[in-house]
Amino acid sequence: MSELQEIPDKPLRKGYTTGACATACVKSALLSLVTQKEHKKVTITLPIGEDVSFSLKDIQITKEKCSSTTVKDAGDDPDVTHLAEITATVNLNSNKEIKFIRGKGVGLVTLPGLEIKVGEPAINPVPRKMMRTVVHKILADYNLESYGVDIMISVKDGEKLAKRTLNSRLGVLHGISILGTSGIVTPFSAASYIASIRQGIDVALANNQYELLINSGARSEKMLRNIFPEIKETACIHYGNWIKETFEKIAESPEIHTVNMGIMLGKAAKLAEGNLNTHSGKTTWNKEFIAKLAKESGYSNEVSERILSLNMAGRLREIFIFAQQEKFYQILLKYCYEHCHKIAPEIELNLYLINNDQTHIKYNK
């Protein structure tokens, strides 16, 4: 999950969050229960104030409970939950409470640091508020305010889908999270990934981890954890392409005293120039800038010309031996260090350039 797909060159269609889908299912199920008639289409109001309609299927009604399902449409976003089947099962209770129950495929919160308490289903606060609003309105409309409602949310194949997310790193096990703050999925906005970065740091802090390992993804993390075997998995954060947002969250967290950062050569070539979002759809490496760094390191014009002939940053290893004492890599890391440390100047930052063969070069500050 450390990389987004290429951004299509066309108008992109928005979609709806798992939280919005779950809310539509709750409305359909509760209306179907109290009327004993299927409600296959409902309209809900999103947190941004927009009214949207959802189609429901597989409505199962008895006198005691009802379930209703919708298929999530994430629009043109490459969301792992696109086309997931989300189901709400509801029943009235006599204690006047709205209770959320974890169904199959919804995650269980097992670590502190998230907005939801340990032991609760991974249904975030905004979706919970949306569902409560819908429930209160229906109970009032049908003179059932002396009752509460049990709400069970489940997701078909949710445990399998969760393996393609960062949920386990956050202590959310056995399924996906029911998410969303606006109700809308904006294609390629990376909002969910950035949220997971921030949540990951919150979980690390809540578990008394004040030294972090931050990496673009699994490959660089594997190498870095060989250097720091004592650092727990909860302190390992994948920044993907969002270096700026990661360091902004670090800067907001005064408890963090040390950050050990792994970065691959292609991203380092972009970051050195000040590109804090390294997604290939947003930035490309600047050969002229890298050639200038080589001159600054004392290399000849001939070396700079060779750099200008390269078609990918990874091929810099054909010119410069990947070794600790190589001056070029040290000045490349110097620029990377300065851009990151500028955002979070209070932390001790250790920077490691990582090769494909899992060797590394440490920046000598």
Protein backbone atom coordinates (compact mmCIF):
# COMPACT_ATOMS: atom_id res chain seq x y z
CA MET A 1 0.00 0.00 0.00
CA SER A 2 2.99 2.26 -0.15
CA GLU A 3 2.31 3.40 -3.72
CA LEU A 4 -0.76 4.74 -5.42
CA GLN A 5 -1.54 3.69 -8.96
CA GLU A 6 -0.90 6.06 -11.83
CA ILE A 7 -3.51 8.84 -11.95
CA PRO A 8 -5.64 8.47 -15.11
CA ASP A 9 -5.65 11.43 -17.48
CA LYS A 10 -9.42 11.88 -17.52
CA PRO A 11 -12.21 13.34 -15.37
CA LEU A 12 -12.49 11.17 -12.27
CA ARG A 13 -15.74 9.99 -10.70
CA LYS A 14 -16.18 10.36 -6.93
CA GLY A 15 -17.41 7.53 -4.73
CA TYR A 16 -18.72 6.94 -1.22
CA THR A 17 -17.00 5.87 1.98
CA THR A 18 -17.62 2.67 3.90
CA GLY A 19 -19.21 4.86 6.58
CA ALA A 20 -21.74 6.31 4.15
CA CYS A 21 -22.55 2.84 2.80
CA ALA A 22 -23.02 1.42 6.29
CA THR A 23 -25.33 4.31 7.19
CA ALA A 24 -27.49 3.64 4.13
CA CYS A 25 -27.68 -0.02 5.12
CA VAL A 26 -28.74 0.92 8.67
CA LYS A 27 -31.47 3.21 7.34
CA SER A 28 -32.80 0.57 4.95
CA ALA A 29 -32.69 -2.19 7.56
CA LEU A 30 -34.36 -0.20 10.33
CA LEU A 31 -37.07 1.17 8.04
CA SER A 32 -37.69 -2.34 6.72
CA LEU A 33 -37.90 -3.70 10.25
CA VAL A 34 -40.36 -1.17 11.63
CA THR A 35 -42.58 -1.18 8.52
CA GLN A 36 -42.10 -4.90 7.73
CA LYS A 37 -41.63 -3.87 4.10
CA GLU A 38 -38.42 -3.84 2.03
CA HIS A 39 -36.79 -0.45 1.49
CA LYS A 40 -34.54 -1.06 -1.48
CA LYS A 41 -33.58 2.58 -2.00
CA VAL A 42 -32.82 5.17 0.68
CA THR A 43 -31.42 8.66 0.79
CA ILE A 44 -29.00 9.81 3.47
CA THR A 45 -27.40 13.16 4.24
CA LEU A 46 -23.61 13.13 4.20
CA PRO A 47 -21.56 15.12 6.73
CA ILE A 48 -20.83 17.67 3.98
CA GLY A 49 -24.61 18.31 3.71
CA GLU A 50 -25.14 16.50 0.41
CA ASP A 51 -28.11 14.13 0.02
CA VAL A 52 -27.26 10.92 -1.82
CA SER A 53 -29.29 7.82 -2.66
CA PHE A 54 -28.18 4.21 -2.27
CA SER A 55 -29.58 1.00 -3.69
CA LEU A 56 -29.89 -1.94 -1.29
CA LYS A 57 -30.17 -5.67 -1.83
CA ASP A 58 -30.58 -8.96 0.03
CA ILE A 59 -33.00 -7.46 2.56
CA GLN A 60 -33.90 -10.10 5.14
CA ILE A 61 -36.85 -9.20 7.41
CA THR A 62 -38.21 -10.99 10.45
CA LYS A 63 -40.32 -9.63 13.31
CA GLU A 64 -37.22 -9.31 15.50
CA LYS A 65 -34.47 -8.11 13.15
CA CYS A 66 -33.60 -7.04 9.63
CA SER A 67 -30.46 -6.96 7.50
CA SER A 68 -29.74 -4.93 4.38
CA THR A 69 -26.74 -4.86 2.04
CA THR A 70 -25.19 -2.41 -0.39
CA VAL A 71 -22.19 -2.62 -2.71
CA LYS A 72 -19.62 0.10 -2.13
CA ASP A 73 -18.85 2.30 -5.11
CA ALA A 74 -15.50 4.06 -4.63
CA GLY A 75 -15.79 5.85 -7.97
CA ASP A 76 -12.48 5.96 -9.83
CA ASP A 77 -10.38 5.69 -6.66
CA PRO A 78 -8.21 2.52 -6.46
CA ASP A 79 -9.71 1.75 -3.06
CA VAL A 80 -9.29 -1.81 -1.75
CA THR A 81 -12.93 -1.73 -0.59
CA HIS A 82 -14.33 -0.82 -4.01
CA LEU A 83 -17.28 -3.17 -4.71
CA ALA A 84 -17.18 -4.56 -1.17
CA GLU A 85 -20.53 -5.80 0.13
CA ILE A 86 -21.45 -4.00 3.36
CA THR A 87 -24.34 -5.24 5.49
CA ALA A 88 -26.17 -3.80 8.49
CA THR A 89 -28.27 -6.01 10.75
CA VAL A 90 -30.50 -4.22 13.25
CA ASN A 91 -32.88 -5.07 16.05
CA LEU A 92 -34.73 -3.01 18.63
CA ASN A 93 -33.62 -3.21 22.26
CA SER A 94 -35.34 -2.10 25.47
CA ASN A 95 -32.45 -0.15 27.03
CA LYS A 96 -32.80 2.88 24.74
CA GLU A 97 -29.12 2.64 23.72
CA ILE A 98 -27.64 2.54 20.25
CA LYS A 99 -25.09 -0.24 20.40
CA PHE A 100 -22.50 -1.03 17.71
CA ILE A 101 -21.61 -4.69 17.25
CA ARG A 102 -18.76 -6.09 15.18
CA GLY A 103 -19.94 -8.37 12.43
CA LYS A 104 -17.77 -10.64 10.32
CA GLY A 105 -15.24 -8.72 8.23
CA VAL A 106 -15.18 -5.61 10.42
CA GLY A 107 -12.02 -5.01 12.41
CA LEU A 108 -11.56 -5.17 16.16
CA VAL A 109 -9.55 -2.41 17.87
CA THR A 110 -6.78 -4.05 19.91
CA LEU A 111 -4.31 -1.23 20.57
CA PRO A 112 -4.76 2.18 22.24
CA GLY A 113 -4.15 5.35 20.25
CA LEU A 114 -7.11 5.31 17.88
CA GLU A 115 -10.31 7.30 18.29
CA ILE A 116 -12.16 4.10 19.16
CA LYS A 117 -11.53 2.28 22.45
CA VAL A 118 -9.80 -1.09 22.64
CA GLY A 119 -12.33 -3.91 22.31
CA GLU A 120 -14.73 -1.90 20.14
CA PRO A 121 -15.56 -2.60 16.49
CA ALA A 122 -13.49 -0.46 14.13
CA ILE A 123 -16.33 1.89 13.22
CA ASN A 124 -14.99 5.42 13.32
CA PRO A 125 -16.68 8.34 15.12
CA VAL A 126 -18.17 10.11 12.08
CA PRO A 127 -19.86 6.97 10.68
CA ARG A 128 -21.17 6.21 14.19
CA LYS A 129 -22.63 9.71 14.37
CA MET A 130 -24.22 9.33 10.92
CA MET A 131 -25.86 6.04 11.95
CA ARG A 132 -27.09 7.43 15.27
CA THR A 133 -28.68 10.38 13.48
CA VAL A 134 -30.53 8.06 11.09
CA VAL A 135 -31.68 5.81 13.93
CA HIS A 136 -32.96 8.66 16.12
CA LYS A 137 -34.93 10.09 13.19
CA ILE A 138 -36.62 6.78 12.36
CA LEU A 139 -37.45 6.00 16.00
CA ALA A 140 -38.99 9.47 16.37
CA ASP A 141 -40.97 9.18 13.12
CA TYR A 142 -42.49 5.83 14.17
CA ASN A 143 -43.08 6.69 17.86
CA LEU A 144 -40.50 4.15 19.00
CA GLU A 145 -38.40 6.47 21.15
CA SER A 146 -38.74 4.14 24.14
CA TYR A 147 -36.46 1.68 22.26
CA GLY A 148 -32.81 1.57 21.39
CA VAL A 149 -31.18 -0.24 18.45
CA ASP A 150 -28.41 -2.82 18.17
CA ILE A 151 -26.43 -2.27 14.96
CA MET A 152 -24.15 -4.97 13.59
CA ILE A 153 -22.03 -4.03 10.59
CA SER A 154 -20.36 -6.77 8.55
CA VAL A 155 -18.31 -6.79 5.33
CA LYS A 156 -18.10 -9.74 2.97
CA ASP A 157 -14.46 -10.91 2.71
CA GLY A 158 -13.48 -8.05 5.00
CA GLU A 159 -10.69 -10.00 6.67
CA LYS A 160 -9.15 -10.73 3.28
CA LEU A 161 -9.49 -7.09 2.19
CA ALA A 162 -7.83 -5.93 5.43
CA LYS A 163 -4.61 -7.70 4.44
CA ARG A 164 -4.23 -5.08 1.70
CA THR A 165 -4.45 -2.24 4.22
CA LEU A 166 -2.33 -1.03 7.14
CA ASN A 167 -4.99 -2.10 9.66
CA SER A 168 -2.92 -4.73 11.46
CA ARG A 169 -0.13 -2.18 11.97
CA LEU A 170 -2.66 0.04 13.71
CA GLY A 171 -3.90 -2.78 15.94
CA VAL A 172 -7.13 -3.27 13.97
CA LEU A 173 -7.50 -7.02 13.49
CA HIS A 174 -9.86 -9.42 11.73
CA GLY A 175 -11.33 -6.99 9.21
CA ILE A 176 -11.55 -3.55 7.69
CA SER A 177 -12.42 -0.25 9.34
CA ILE A 178 -15.66 1.62 8.66
CA LEU A 179 -14.30 5.03 7.74
CA GLY A 180 -15.14 8.45 6.38
CA THR A 181 -15.29 12.04 7.52
CA SER A 182 -17.11 13.60 4.56
CA GLY A 183 -18.90 10.54 3.19
CA ILE A 184 -17.23 11.13 -0.18
CA VAL A 185 -14.24 9.30 -1.65
CA THR A 186 -12.21 11.75 -3.75
CA PRO A 187 -10.23 9.75 -6.32
CA PHE A 188 -6.47 9.64 -5.74
CA SER A 189 -6.69 12.14 -2.87
CA ALA A 190 -4.71 9.74 -0.65
CA ALA A 191 -6.82 10.90 2.30
CA SER A 192 -7.12 7.40 3.74
CA TYR A 193 -3.38 6.74 3.43
CA ILE A 194 -2.48 10.02 5.11
CA ALA A 195 -5.02 9.28 7.84
CA SER A 196 -3.33 5.90 8.39
CA ILE A 197 0.04 7.62 8.76
CA ARG A 198 -1.34 9.91 11.43
CA GLN A 199 -3.15 7.04 13.15
CA GLY A 200 0.00 4.92 13.05
CA ILE A 201 1.97 7.60 14.87
CA ASP A 202 -0.84 8.00 17.42
CA VAL A 203 -0.78 4.25 18.06
CA ALA A 204 3.00 4.30 18.49
CA LEU A 205 2.74 7.11 21.06
CA ALA A 206 -0.12 5.44 22.93
CA ASN A 207 2.09 2.37 23.26
CA ASN A 208 5.02 4.43 24.59
CA GLN A 209 7.07 4.20 21.38
CA TYR A 210 8.92 7.51 21.03
CA GLU A 211 11.55 6.41 18.51
CA LEU A 212 10.10 5.75 15.06
CA LEU A 213 11.21 3.90 11.96
CA ILE A 214 9.68 5.55 8.91
CA ASN A 215 9.92 3.94 5.50
CA SER A 216 8.38 4.25 2.06
CA GLY A 217 7.18 0.65 2.27
CA ALA A 218 7.91 -2.95 3.17
CA ARG A 219 11.26 -3.29 1.39
CA SER A 220 12.94 -0.39 3.13
CA GLU A 221 11.35 -1.34 6.45
CA LYS A 222 12.79 -4.85 6.26
CA MET A 223 16.29 -3.47 5.90
CA LEU A 224 15.91 -0.82 8.56
CA ARG A 225 14.52 -3.27 11.10
CA ASN A 226 17.69 -5.33 10.69
CA ILE A 227 19.59 -2.29 11.98
CA PHE A 228 17.07 -1.60 14.76
CA PRO A 229 15.75 -5.03 15.82
CA GLU A 230 14.73 -3.69 19.22
CA ILE A 231 12.19 -1.26 17.78
CA LYS A 232 8.67 -2.69 17.82
CA GLU A 233 6.39 -3.00 14.81
CA THR A 234 4.00 -0.43 16.29
CA ALA A 235 6.78 2.17 15.90
CA CYS A 236 7.19 1.45 12.16
CA ILE A 237 5.37 3.86 9.85
CA HIS A 238 5.02 3.63 6.07
CA TYR A 239 5.05 7.16 4.65
CA GLY A 240 4.51 5.95 1.08
CA ASN A 241 4.88 9.14 -0.94
CA TRP A 242 3.68 11.57 1.73
CA ILE A 243 6.87 12.75 3.40
CA LYS A 244 5.56 16.23 4.17
CA GLU A 245 2.44 14.97 5.95
CA THR A 246 4.47 12.42 7.90
CA PHE A 247 6.92 14.99 9.22
CA GLU A 248 4.12 17.44 9.98
CA LYS A 249 2.52 14.82 12.23
CA ILE A 250 5.90 14.11 13.82
CA ALA A 251 6.35 17.84 14.47
CA GLU A 252 2.96 17.90 16.22
CA SER A 253 4.10 15.10 18.55
CA PRO A 254 6.69 16.45 21.04
CA GLU A 255 7.06 13.04 22.70
CA ILE A 256 8.91 11.73 19.63
CA HIS A 257 12.64 12.20 20.13
CA THR A 258 14.19 10.14 17.29
CA VAL A 259 13.18 9.26 13.74
CA ASN A 260 15.10 6.72 11.66
CA MET A 261 14.14 7.18 8.03
CA GLY A 262 14.75 4.77 5.16
CA ILE A 263 14.46 6.02 1.60
CA MET A 264 15.06 4.42 -1.78
CA LEU A 265 17.20 6.14 -4.42
CA GLY A 266 14.36 7.18 -6.74
CA LYS A 267 12.48 8.95 -3.95
CA ALA A 268 15.69 10.46 -2.59
CA ALA A 269 16.41 12.04 -5.97
CA LYS A 270 13.03 13.79 -5.80
CA LEU A 271 13.15 14.69 -2.11
CA ALA A 272 16.62 16.23 -2.41
CA GLU A 273 15.14 18.90 -4.68
CA GLY A 274 12.38 19.60 -2.14
CA ASN A 275 9.59 17.42 -3.55
CA LEU A 276 7.86 16.23 -0.39
CA ASN A 277 5.24 14.27 -2.32
CA THR A 278 7.20 11.70 -4.30
CA HIS A 279 4.32 10.11 -6.21
CA SER A 280 5.24 9.54 -9.85
CA GLY A 281 2.00 11.22 -10.87
CA LYS A 282 3.02 14.38 -9.04
CA THR A 283 6.80 14.69 -9.51
CA THR A 284 9.62 13.33 -11.64
CA TRP A 285 13.30 13.41 -10.83
CA ASN A 286 15.16 16.42 -12.18
CA LYS A 287 18.31 15.28 -13.99
CA GLU A 288 19.65 18.83 -14.18
CA PHE A 289 19.36 19.22 -10.41
CA ILE A 290 21.10 15.89 -9.78
CA ALA A 291 23.87 16.82 -12.22
CA LYS A 292 24.33 20.05 -10.27
CA LEU A 293 24.68 18.02 -7.05
CA ALA A 294 27.41 15.95 -8.69
CA LYS A 295 29.33 19.09 -9.57
CA GLU A 296 28.83 20.33 -6.01
CA SER A 297 30.37 17.05 -4.83
CA GLY A 298 33.46 17.72 -6.93
CA TYR A 299 32.74 15.52 -9.94
CA SER A 300 33.69 16.46 -13.49
CA ASN A 301 31.51 17.86 -16.25
CA GLU A 302 31.79 14.47 -17.93
CA VAL A 303 30.06 12.82 -14.96
CA SER A 304 27.31 15.44 -15.05
CA GLU A 305 26.79 14.75 -18.77
CA ARG A 306 26.43 11.04 -18.02
CA ILE A 307 23.73 11.86 -15.46
CA LEU A 308 21.83 13.88 -18.06
CA SER A 309 21.76 10.81 -20.33
CA LEU A 310 20.04 8.59 -17.76
CA ASN A 311 16.35 7.73 -18.08
CA MET A 312 15.77 6.71 -14.42
CA ALA A 313 17.17 7.79 -11.08
CA GLY A 314 17.91 4.19 -10.12
CA ARG A 315 20.59 4.10 -12.82
CA LEU A 316 22.69 6.58 -10.83
CA ARG A 317 24.23 3.44 -9.33
CA GLU A 318 25.84 2.84 -12.74
CA ILE A 319 27.83 6.04 -12.25
CA PHE A 320 28.34 6.15 -8.49
CA ILE A 321 29.34 3.05 -6.53
CA PHE A 322 26.74 2.43 -3.83
CA ALA A 323 29.05 2.79 -0.83
CA GLN A 324 29.15 4.72 2.44
CA GLN A 325 32.18 6.79 1.40
CA GLU A 326 30.73 7.86 -1.97
CA LYS A 327 30.54 11.68 -1.84
CA PHE A 328 27.61 11.94 -4.24
CA TYR A 329 25.25 9.95 -2.03
CA GLN A 330 26.26 11.91 1.04
CA ILE A 331 25.38 15.24 -0.57
CA LEU A 332 22.13 13.74 -1.92
CA LEU A 333 21.22 12.69 1.62
CA LYS A 334 22.29 16.09 2.96
CA TYR A 335 19.62 17.80 0.87
CA CYS A 336 17.02 15.18 1.83
CA TYR A 337 17.88 15.66 5.49
CA GLU A 338 17.54 19.44 5.33
CA HIS A 339 14.08 19.36 3.75
CA CYS A 340 12.75 16.90 6.36
CA HIS A 341 14.46 18.43 9.38
CA LYS A 342 13.10 21.85 8.43
CA ILE A 343 9.57 20.54 9.08
CA ALA A 344 10.43 18.79 12.36
CA PRO A 345 13.56 20.54 13.67
CA GLU A 346 13.29 19.28 17.25
CA ILE A 347 13.78 15.60 16.51
CA GLU A 348 16.96 13.56 16.05
CA LEU A 349 16.77 12.45 12.41
CA ASN A 350 18.86 9.54 11.13
CA LEU A 351 18.68 9.04 7.38
CA TYR A 352 19.44 5.83 5.46
CA LEU A 353 19.61 5.46 1.68
CA ILE A 354 18.51 1.93 0.82
CA ASN A 355 19.57 -0.12 -2.18
CA ASN A 356 17.52 -2.82 -3.91
CA ASP A 357 19.86 -5.48 -2.51
CA GLN A 358 19.06 -4.30 1.05
CA THR A 359 22.45 -2.63 1.56
CA HIS A 360 22.36 0.93 2.87
CA ILE A 361 24.25 4.18 3.23
CA LYS A 362 23.86 6.25 6.37
CA TYR A 363 23.97 10.03 6.13
CA ASN A 364 26.99 11.37 7.99
CA LYS A 365 25.67 14.54 9.62
